[in-house]
Amino acid sequence: MKKIEAIVRPEKYEQVKDALCEIDVKGITVYQVMGCGHQKGRLENVRGVEVDLEMNRKIKFEIVVSTEEWAEKTIEAIQKTACTGEIGDGKIFVYDLDNVIKIRTGERGIKAI
């Protein structure tokens, strides 16, 4: 089992969500997050005053898949959809998952996904 975390631009949320639905990914958790990478923030006008914002708004997707093949399909869909070619497109993190337990039934492993 694999856990995929993808941090993408907020304006790419709908497109990434739709791309994941198109490849039949069922379970998705989404967060609004803030962070910065190499670009170290941006200048933005707030009430007519230019402000240096160190943290950028991003969307974080968390997805758990059962196999390496599903992980690759999921990663490809996210990368293809979220890429603008500009700094700040985001990152995809992939983790091995030891176990998953469904709280309601107590099922474990792939059955819990």
N, C-alpha and C. Protein backbone atom coordinates (compact mmCIF):
# COMPACT_ATOMS: atom_id res chain seq x y z
N MET A 1 0.84 -1.18 0.00
CA MET A 1 0.00 0.00 0.00
C MET A 1 0.89 1.24 0.00
N LYS A 2 0.40 2.29 -0.63
CA LYS A 2 1.13 3.55 -0.73
C LYS A 2 0.24 4.70 -0.32
N LYS A 3 0.85 5.68 0.33
CA LYS A 3 0.17 6.94 0.62
C LYS A 3 0.83 8.01 -0.23
N ILE A 4 0.01 8.75 -0.95
CA ILE A 4 0.48 9.82 -1.83
C ILE A 4 -0.02 11.14 -1.27
N GLU A 5 0.91 12.06 -1.06
CA GLU A 5 0.57 13.42 -0.65
C GLU A 5 1.02 14.34 -1.77
N ALA A 6 0.11 15.14 -2.26
CA ALA A 6 0.44 16.08 -3.34
C ALA A 6 0.07 17.48 -2.88
N ILE A 7 1.01 18.40 -3.01
CA ILE A 7 0.77 19.80 -2.67
C ILE A 7 0.79 20.57 -3.98
N VAL A 8 -0.35 21.20 -4.30
CA VAL A 8 -0.53 21.85 -5.60
C VAL A 8 -1.06 23.27 -5.43
N ARG A 9 -1.02 24.02 -6.52
CA ARG A 9 -1.57 25.38 -6.53
C ARG A 9 -3.10 25.31 -6.28
N PRO A 10 -3.64 26.28 -5.54
CA PRO A 10 -5.08 26.28 -5.27
C PRO A 10 -5.93 26.31 -6.54
N GLU A 11 -5.46 27.00 -7.58
CA GLU A 11 -6.25 27.10 -8.80
C GLU A 11 -6.28 25.77 -9.57
N LYS A 12 -5.48 24.80 -9.16
CA LYS A 12 -5.46 23.48 -9.81
C LYS A 12 -6.33 22.46 -9.06
N TYR A 13 -6.94 22.86 -7.96
CA TYR A 13 -7.74 21.94 -7.14
C TYR A 13 -8.78 21.17 -7.95
N GLU A 14 -9.65 21.88 -8.62
CA GLU A 14 -10.75 21.23 -9.36
C GLU A 14 -10.22 20.30 -10.45
N GLN A 15 -9.20 20.75 -11.17
CA GLN A 15 -8.65 19.94 -12.25
C GLN A 15 -8.01 18.65 -11.72
N VAL A 16 -7.26 18.76 -10.63
CA VAL A 16 -6.64 17.56 -10.05
C VAL A 16 -7.71 16.63 -9.51
N LYS A 17 -8.70 17.18 -8.82
CA LYS A 17 -9.78 16.36 -8.28
C LYS A 17 -10.50 15.62 -9.41
N ASP A 18 -10.80 16.31 -10.49
CA ASP A 18 -11.47 15.69 -11.64
C ASP A 18 -10.59 14.62 -12.29
N ALA A 19 -9.29 14.88 -12.40
CA ALA A 19 -8.37 13.91 -12.99
C ALA A 19 -8.31 12.64 -12.15
N LEU A 20 -8.34 12.79 -10.83
CA LEU A 20 -8.34 11.61 -9.96
C LEU A 20 -9.64 10.84 -10.08
N CYS A 21 -10.75 11.54 -10.19
CA CYS A 21 -12.05 10.87 -10.38
C CYS A 21 -12.08 10.13 -11.71
N GLU A 22 -11.48 10.71 -12.75
CA GLU A 22 -11.46 10.08 -14.07
C GLU A 22 -10.74 8.74 -14.07
N ILE A 23 -9.70 8.60 -13.24
CA ILE A 23 -8.99 7.32 -13.19
C ILE A 23 -9.53 6.42 -12.09
N ASP A 24 -10.67 6.82 -11.49
CA ASP A 24 -11.41 6.01 -10.53
C ASP A 24 -10.74 5.92 -9.15
N VAL A 25 -10.01 6.97 -8.75
CA VAL A 25 -9.50 7.03 -7.39
C VAL A 25 -10.67 7.39 -6.49
N LYS A 26 -10.91 6.59 -5.46
CA LYS A 26 -12.10 6.77 -4.63
C LYS A 26 -11.88 7.64 -3.39
N GLY A 27 -10.87 7.35 -2.60
CA GLY A 27 -10.70 8.04 -1.33
C GLY A 27 -9.69 9.16 -1.41
N ILE A 28 -10.14 10.38 -1.22
CA ILE A 28 -9.25 11.54 -1.29
C ILE A 28 -9.54 12.42 -0.07
N THR A 29 -8.48 12.87 0.59
CA THR A 29 -8.61 13.85 1.65
C THR A 29 -7.90 15.11 1.17
N VAL A 30 -8.53 16.27 1.39
CA VAL A 30 -7.99 17.53 0.88
C VAL A 30 -7.90 18.54 2.02
N TYR A 31 -6.77 19.27 2.05
CA TYR A 31 -6.54 20.30 3.06
C TYR A 31 -6.16 21.60 2.36
N GLN A 32 -6.49 22.72 2.98
CA GLN A 32 -5.92 24.00 2.58
C GLN A 32 -4.70 24.21 3.48
N VAL A 33 -3.54 24.39 2.87
CA VAL A 33 -2.30 24.52 3.63
C VAL A 33 -1.54 25.76 3.17
N MET A 34 -0.49 26.10 3.91
CA MET A 34 0.38 27.20 3.52
C MET A 34 1.82 26.72 3.62
N GLY A 35 2.66 27.24 2.75
CA GLY A 35 4.06 26.86 2.78
C GLY A 35 4.87 27.69 1.81
N CYS A 36 6.16 27.43 1.78
CA CYS A 36 7.01 28.11 0.82
C CYS A 36 8.13 27.16 0.41
N GLY A 37 8.62 27.38 -0.78
CA GLY A 37 9.73 26.61 -1.30
C GLY A 37 10.85 27.55 -1.66
N HIS A 38 11.46 27.33 -2.80
CA HIS A 38 12.58 28.16 -3.24
C HIS A 38 12.15 29.59 -3.54
N GLN A 39 10.88 29.79 -3.93
CA GLN A 39 10.46 31.14 -4.30
C GLN A 39 10.29 32.06 -3.10
N LYS A 40 10.20 31.53 -1.90
CA LYS A 40 10.13 32.31 -0.65
C LYS A 40 9.04 33.37 -0.65
N GLY A 41 7.84 33.00 -1.01
CA GLY A 41 6.72 33.92 -0.93
C GLY A 41 6.54 34.80 -2.15
N ARG A 42 5.71 35.85 -1.98
CA ARG A 42 5.38 36.71 -3.11
C ARG A 42 4.90 38.06 -2.59
N LEU A 43 4.88 39.04 -3.47
CA LEU A 43 4.31 40.35 -3.14
C LEU A 43 2.85 40.37 -3.52
N GLU A 44 2.02 40.94 -2.65
CA GLU A 44 0.58 41.01 -2.93
C GLU A 44 0.05 42.32 -2.39
N ASN A 45 -0.93 42.90 -3.08
CA ASN A 45 -1.58 44.12 -2.61
C ASN A 45 -2.69 43.77 -1.64
N VAL A 46 -2.61 44.32 -0.44
CA VAL A 46 -3.62 44.13 0.58
C VAL A 46 -4.13 45.51 0.97
N ARG A 47 -5.36 45.84 0.59
CA ARG A 47 -5.97 47.15 0.87
C ARG A 47 -5.10 48.29 0.36
N GLY A 48 -4.55 48.09 -0.84
CA GLY A 48 -3.76 49.13 -1.46
C GLY A 48 -2.32 49.22 -1.01
N VAL A 49 -1.91 48.34 -0.11
CA VAL A 49 -0.54 48.35 0.40
C VAL A 49 0.15 47.06 -0.06
N GLU A 50 1.36 47.21 -0.62
CA GLU A 50 2.10 46.04 -1.06
C GLU A 50 2.69 45.32 0.15
N VAL A 51 2.37 44.02 0.29
CA VAL A 51 2.80 43.22 1.43
C VAL A 51 3.58 42.02 0.92
N ASP A 52 4.70 41.72 1.59
CA ASP A 52 5.51 40.55 1.25
C ASP A 52 4.97 39.36 2.05
N LEU A 53 4.32 38.42 1.36
CA LEU A 53 3.78 37.24 2.02
C LEU A 53 4.80 36.10 1.90
N GLU A 54 5.29 35.63 3.04
CA GLU A 54 6.31 34.60 3.03
C GLU A 54 5.73 33.22 2.74
N MET A 55 4.49 33.01 3.06
CA MET A 55 3.87 31.70 2.88
C MET A 55 2.82 31.79 1.76
N ASN A 56 2.81 30.78 0.92
CA ASN A 56 1.86 30.71 -0.19
C ASN A 56 0.76 29.72 0.14
N ARG A 57 -0.46 30.05 -0.29
CA ARG A 57 -1.58 29.12 -0.13
C ARG A 57 -1.43 27.98 -1.11
N LYS A 58 -1.69 26.78 -0.63
CA LYS A 58 -1.61 25.56 -1.45
C LYS A 58 -2.75 24.64 -1.06
N ILE A 59 -2.96 23.62 -1.87
CA ILE A 59 -3.92 22.56 -1.58
C ILE A 59 -3.14 21.26 -1.43
N LYS A 60 -3.44 20.51 -0.38
CA LYS A 60 -2.78 19.23 -0.14
C LYS A 60 -3.79 18.09 -0.30
N PHE A 61 -3.47 17.18 -1.21
CA PHE A 61 -4.26 15.97 -1.41
C PHE A 61 -3.57 14.83 -0.70
N GLU A 62 -4.34 13.99 -0.01
CA GLU A 62 -3.83 12.74 0.56
C GLU A 62 -4.65 11.60 -0.03
N ILE A 63 -3.95 10.61 -0.56
CA ILE A 63 -4.61 9.49 -1.22
C ILE A 63 -3.88 8.22 -0.82
N VAL A 64 -4.62 7.17 -0.48
CA VAL A 64 -4.02 5.87 -0.19
C VAL A 64 -4.47 4.90 -1.28
N VAL A 65 -3.49 4.20 -1.87
CA VAL A 65 -3.79 3.24 -2.92
C VAL A 65 -3.22 1.88 -2.55
N SER A 66 -3.75 0.85 -3.18
CA SER A 66 -3.42 -0.52 -2.79
C SER A 66 -2.14 -1.06 -3.40
N THR A 67 -1.76 -0.60 -4.59
CA THR A 67 -0.62 -1.19 -5.29
C THR A 67 0.30 -0.14 -5.88
N GLU A 68 1.47 -0.58 -6.28
CA GLU A 68 2.44 0.29 -6.95
C GLU A 68 1.88 0.81 -8.26
N GLU A 69 1.13 -0.03 -8.98
CA GLU A 69 0.52 0.38 -10.26
C GLU A 69 -0.47 1.51 -10.05
N TRP A 70 -1.30 1.40 -9.01
CA TRP A 70 -2.25 2.48 -8.71
C TRP A 70 -1.51 3.74 -8.30
N ALA A 71 -0.42 3.57 -7.57
CA ALA A 71 0.37 4.74 -7.16
C ALA A 71 0.89 5.47 -8.39
N GLU A 72 1.44 4.74 -9.35
CA GLU A 72 1.98 5.36 -10.56
C GLU A 72 0.89 6.05 -11.38
N LYS A 73 -0.29 5.40 -11.50
CA LYS A 73 -1.41 6.03 -12.22
C LYS A 73 -1.82 7.34 -11.54
N THR A 74 -1.88 7.30 -10.22
CA THR A 74 -2.30 8.47 -9.44
C THR A 74 -1.29 9.60 -9.56
N ILE A 75 -0.01 9.26 -9.43
CA ILE A 75 1.06 10.25 -9.54
C ILE A 75 1.05 10.89 -10.93
N GLU A 76 0.91 10.07 -11.95
CA GLU A 76 0.90 10.58 -13.32
C GLU A 76 -0.27 11.54 -13.55
N ALA A 77 -1.45 11.19 -13.03
CA ALA A 77 -2.62 12.05 -13.19
C ALA A 77 -2.41 13.39 -12.50
N ILE A 78 -1.86 13.37 -11.29
CA ILE A 78 -1.63 14.61 -10.54
C ILE A 78 -0.58 15.46 -11.25
N GLN A 79 0.54 14.84 -11.59
CA GLN A 79 1.64 15.59 -12.20
C GLN A 79 1.22 16.22 -13.52
N LYS A 80 0.54 15.45 -14.34
CA LYS A 80 0.10 15.96 -15.64
C LYS A 80 -0.87 17.13 -15.49
N THR A 81 -1.75 17.03 -14.52
CA THR A 81 -2.80 18.04 -14.34
C THR A 81 -2.30 19.28 -13.61
N ALA A 82 -1.43 19.11 -12.62
CA ALA A 82 -1.01 20.23 -11.77
C ALA A 82 0.14 21.03 -12.35
N CYS A 83 0.82 20.51 -13.35
CA CYS A 83 2.02 21.16 -13.88
C CYS A 83 1.69 22.37 -14.74
N THR A 84 2.29 23.52 -14.39
CA THR A 84 2.21 24.71 -15.23
C THR A 84 3.58 25.01 -15.84
N GLY A 85 4.61 24.38 -15.30
CA GLY A 85 5.97 24.64 -15.74
C GLY A 85 6.63 25.81 -15.02
N GLU A 86 5.93 26.39 -14.07
CA GLU A 86 6.44 27.54 -13.32
C GLU A 86 6.86 27.11 -11.92
N ILE A 87 7.71 27.92 -11.30
CA ILE A 87 8.08 27.69 -9.89
C ILE A 87 6.81 27.74 -9.05
N GLY A 88 6.70 26.84 -8.10
CA GLY A 88 5.54 26.83 -7.21
C GLY A 88 4.46 25.85 -7.62
N ASP A 89 4.74 24.97 -8.59
CA ASP A 89 3.75 23.96 -9.00
C ASP A 89 3.46 22.97 -7.89
N GLY A 90 4.41 22.73 -7.00
CA GLY A 90 4.16 21.85 -5.87
C GLY A 90 5.06 20.64 -5.86
N LYS A 91 4.69 19.68 -5.02
CA LYS A 91 5.46 18.46 -4.84
C LYS A 91 4.50 17.29 -4.64
N ILE A 92 5.02 16.08 -4.95
CA ILE A 92 4.30 14.84 -4.66
C ILE A 92 5.22 13.99 -3.80
N PHE A 93 4.70 13.54 -2.66
CA PHE A 93 5.44 12.67 -1.74
C PHE A 93 4.76 11.30 -1.74
N VAL A 94 5.56 10.25 -1.75
CA VAL A 94 5.03 8.88 -1.77
C VAL A 94 5.63 8.12 -0.60
N TYR A 95 4.77 7.48 0.19
CA TYR A 95 5.20 6.74 1.37
C TYR A 95 4.71 5.30 1.29
N ASP A 96 5.53 4.38 1.80
CA ASP A 96 5.04 3.02 2.01
C ASP A 96 4.15 3.03 3.24
N LEU A 97 3.06 2.30 3.18
CA LEU A 97 2.10 2.25 4.27
C LEU A 97 2.10 0.85 4.86
N ASP A 98 2.33 0.73 6.15
CA ASP A 98 2.37 -0.58 6.80
C ASP A 98 1.00 -1.18 6.98
N ASN A 99 0.04 -0.35 7.38
CA ASN A 99 -1.28 -0.89 7.67
C ASN A 99 -2.32 0.21 7.61
N VAL A 100 -3.56 -0.19 7.39
CA VAL A 100 -4.72 0.70 7.44
C VAL A 100 -5.79 -0.06 8.20
N ILE A 101 -6.48 0.61 9.10
CA ILE A 101 -7.57 -0.02 9.85
C ILE A 101 -8.82 0.81 9.67
N LYS A 102 -9.90 0.16 9.19
CA LYS A 102 -11.19 0.85 9.07
C LYS A 102 -11.84 0.84 10.45
N ILE A 103 -12.11 2.01 10.98
CA ILE A 103 -12.63 2.13 12.33
C ILE A 103 -13.96 1.41 12.50
N ARG A 104 -14.87 1.59 11.56
CA ARG A 104 -16.22 1.02 11.70
C ARG A 104 -16.21 -0.50 11.78
N THR A 105 -15.43 -1.16 10.92
CA THR A 105 -15.49 -2.63 10.81
C THR A 105 -14.28 -3.35 11.41
N GLY A 106 -13.19 -2.62 11.63
CA GLY A 106 -11.97 -3.26 12.12
C GLY A 106 -11.16 -3.94 11.03
N GLU A 107 -11.65 -3.85 9.77
CA GLU A 107 -10.90 -4.44 8.65
C GLU A 107 -9.52 -3.80 8.57
N ARG A 108 -8.56 -4.59 8.10
CA ARG A 108 -7.18 -4.12 8.02
C ARG A 108 -6.61 -4.32 6.63
N GLY A 109 -5.55 -3.55 6.33
CA GLY A 109 -4.86 -3.71 5.07
C GLY A 109 -5.69 -3.22 3.89
N ILE A 110 -5.51 -3.90 2.76
CA ILE A 110 -6.18 -3.50 1.52
C ILE A 110 -7.69 -3.50 1.67
N LYS A 111 -8.25 -4.41 2.48
CA LYS A 111 -9.71 -4.44 2.68
C LYS A 111 -10.22 -3.16 3.33
N ALA A 112 -9.38 -2.48 4.06
CA ALA A 112 -9.79 -1.24 4.75
C ALA A 112 -9.79 -0.04 3.83
N ILE A 113 -9.12 -0.16 2.69
CA ILE A 113 -9.07 0.97 1.76
C ILE A 113 -10.38 0.99 1.02
